[in-house]
Amino acid sequence: TGTGTPQRKVIRTFKSPVKVSSQAGPSTPTPITAFFPPVLDFNADVPIYDARGKTVDYQKDLPALAKKLPPFTDGEVPVDSFAVVGYSATTYVSGGDGKVQLSLNVLFVIVVGTP
């Protein structure tokens, strides 16, 4: 350092020990976008659900969160709360420089616990 040349950081990749099956079956996860739009409108409110004191089976309940859980009505979600954030990750090519960009899109929040 001090030479004006930026240092390169080495990122190591590791092979996952998890075996992936190519056969679809009952344990194959369903993409979240099967139940929610891949992106909310820029001015849309992010739905926040209240799961405090409730049992949630994410496999069964995710398609109907609005029916299963009431909205969170305590205002802002407090700092240090435990929450599940549903999001989609999409890529797009920017118009200016043609580079691929990553967009992380919050779709909903489930408040599980508050301090």
Protein backbone atom coordinates (compact mmCIF):
# COMPACT_ATOMS: atom_id res chain seq x y z
CA THR A 1 0.00 0.00 0.00
CA GLY A 2 1.10 3.58 -0.34
CA THR A 3 2.14 2.97 -3.95
CA GLY A 4 -1.13 4.18 -5.35
CA THR A 5 -1.94 0.73 -6.72
CA PRO A 6 -5.16 -0.72 -5.30
CA GLN A 7 -4.74 -4.11 -3.72
CA ARG A 8 -6.78 -6.98 -5.08
CA LYS A 9 -8.83 -8.95 -2.64
CA VAL A 10 -8.92 -12.67 -3.15
CA ILE A 11 -12.30 -14.30 -2.79
CA ARG A 12 -12.23 -18.02 -2.29
CA THR A 13 -15.01 -20.24 -3.46
CA PHE A 14 -15.88 -23.49 -1.79
CA LYS A 15 -17.80 -26.43 -3.13
CA SER A 16 -20.97 -26.99 -1.15
CA PRO A 17 -21.31 -30.36 0.59
CA VAL A 18 -25.06 -30.21 -0.08
CA LYS A 19 -26.23 -32.59 -2.77
CA VAL A 20 -28.74 -31.09 -5.16
CA SER A 21 -31.28 -33.40 -6.74
CA SER A 22 -32.47 -32.69 -10.25
CA GLN A 23 -35.72 -34.56 -9.59
CA ALA A 24 -38.67 -32.41 -8.59
CA GLY A 25 -40.63 -33.70 -5.65
CA PRO A 26 -42.70 -32.60 -2.70
CA SER A 27 -39.68 -31.10 -0.98
CA THR A 28 -38.82 -28.82 -3.92
CA PRO A 29 -39.24 -25.22 -2.70
CA THR A 30 -41.73 -23.03 -4.49
CA PRO A 31 -40.38 -19.64 -5.54
CA ILE A 32 -41.76 -16.75 -3.51
CA THR A 33 -42.81 -15.04 -6.73
CA ALA A 34 -45.44 -17.76 -7.22
CA PHE A 35 -47.44 -15.99 -4.47
CA PHE A 36 -46.17 -12.41 -4.65
CA PRO A 37 -45.24 -10.13 -7.54
CA PRO A 38 -41.49 -10.13 -8.25
CA VAL A 39 -41.36 -6.37 -7.60
CA LEU A 40 -43.70 -3.95 -5.81
CA ASP A 41 -44.47 -0.61 -7.45
CA PHE A 42 -42.08 2.12 -6.31
CA ASN A 43 -44.82 3.85 -4.33
CA ALA A 44 -46.50 0.71 -2.93
CA ASP A 45 -46.62 0.08 0.79
CA VAL A 46 -44.69 -3.01 1.88
CA PRO A 47 -47.15 -5.25 3.75
CA ILE A 48 -46.08 -5.92 7.33
CA TYR A 49 -47.74 -8.85 9.09
CA ASP A 50 -47.90 -9.55 12.82
CA ALA A 51 -46.92 -13.11 13.75
CA ARG A 52 -46.18 -12.44 17.42
CA GLY A 53 -47.63 -15.26 19.50
CA LYS A 54 -48.75 -17.19 16.42
CA THR A 55 -47.55 -20.37 14.80
CA VAL A 56 -46.66 -19.97 11.15
CA ASP A 57 -46.06 -22.89 8.81
CA TYR A 58 -44.20 -21.16 5.99
CA GLN A 59 -44.77 -24.07 3.61
CA LYS A 60 -48.54 -23.82 3.98
CA ASP A 61 -49.15 -20.23 5.04
CA LEU A 62 -46.97 -18.27 2.64
CA PRO A 63 -49.51 -18.25 -0.22
CA ALA A 64 -52.15 -16.66 2.04
CA LEU A 65 -50.27 -14.48 4.53
CA ALA A 66 -52.91 -11.74 4.42
CA LYS A 67 -55.56 -14.28 5.44
CA LYS A 68 -53.41 -16.06 8.04
CA LEU A 69 -51.83 -13.07 9.79
CA PRO A 70 -53.18 -9.68 10.82
CA PRO A 71 -51.37 -6.54 9.74
CA PHE A 72 -48.75 -5.13 12.11
CA THR A 73 -50.46 -2.03 13.51
CA ASP A 74 -47.95 -0.84 16.12
CA GLY A 75 -46.39 1.76 13.80
CA GLU A 76 -42.74 1.33 12.90
CA VAL A 77 -41.19 -2.06 13.57
CA PRO A 78 -39.02 -1.46 16.67
CA VAL A 79 -35.25 -1.70 16.54
CA ASP A 80 -33.99 -5.13 17.66
CA SER A 81 -37.19 -6.87 16.55
CA PHE A 82 -37.07 -10.35 15.02
CA ALA A 83 -38.63 -10.33 11.57
CA VAL A 84 -38.77 -12.40 8.41
CA VAL A 85 -38.26 -10.36 5.26
CA GLY A 86 -39.59 -11.76 1.99
CA TYR A 87 -37.75 -10.44 -1.03
CA SER A 88 -36.91 -11.19 -4.63
CA ALA A 89 -33.54 -10.74 -6.27
CA THR A 90 -33.54 -9.75 -9.92
CA THR A 91 -30.90 -8.58 -12.34
CA TYR A 92 -31.13 -6.05 -15.12
CA VAL A 93 -28.78 -4.36 -17.55
CA SER A 94 -28.36 -0.66 -16.81
CA GLY A 95 -29.04 1.67 -19.70
CA GLY A 96 -26.08 3.93 -19.05
CA ASP A 97 -23.09 1.62 -18.97
CA GLY A 98 -24.58 -1.75 -19.95
CA LYS A 99 -23.45 -3.41 -16.72
CA VAL A 100 -25.57 -6.04 -15.03
CA GLN A 101 -27.10 -4.69 -11.82
CA LEU A 102 -28.65 -6.54 -8.88
CA SER A 103 -31.98 -5.39 -7.49
CA LEU A 104 -33.15 -6.66 -4.07
CA ASN A 105 -36.90 -6.07 -3.81
CA VAL A 106 -38.66 -6.26 -0.43
CA LEU A 107 -42.07 -7.91 -0.88
CA PHE A 108 -43.31 -8.30 2.72
CA VAL A 109 -42.22 -8.35 6.35
CA ILE A 110 -43.43 -10.72 9.09
CA VAL A 111 -42.80 -9.45 12.62
CA VAL A 112 -42.12 -12.51 14.79
CA GLY A 113 -41.00 -10.81 17.99
CA THR A 114 -40.46 -7.35 19.41
CA PRO A 115 -38.31 -6.21 22.35
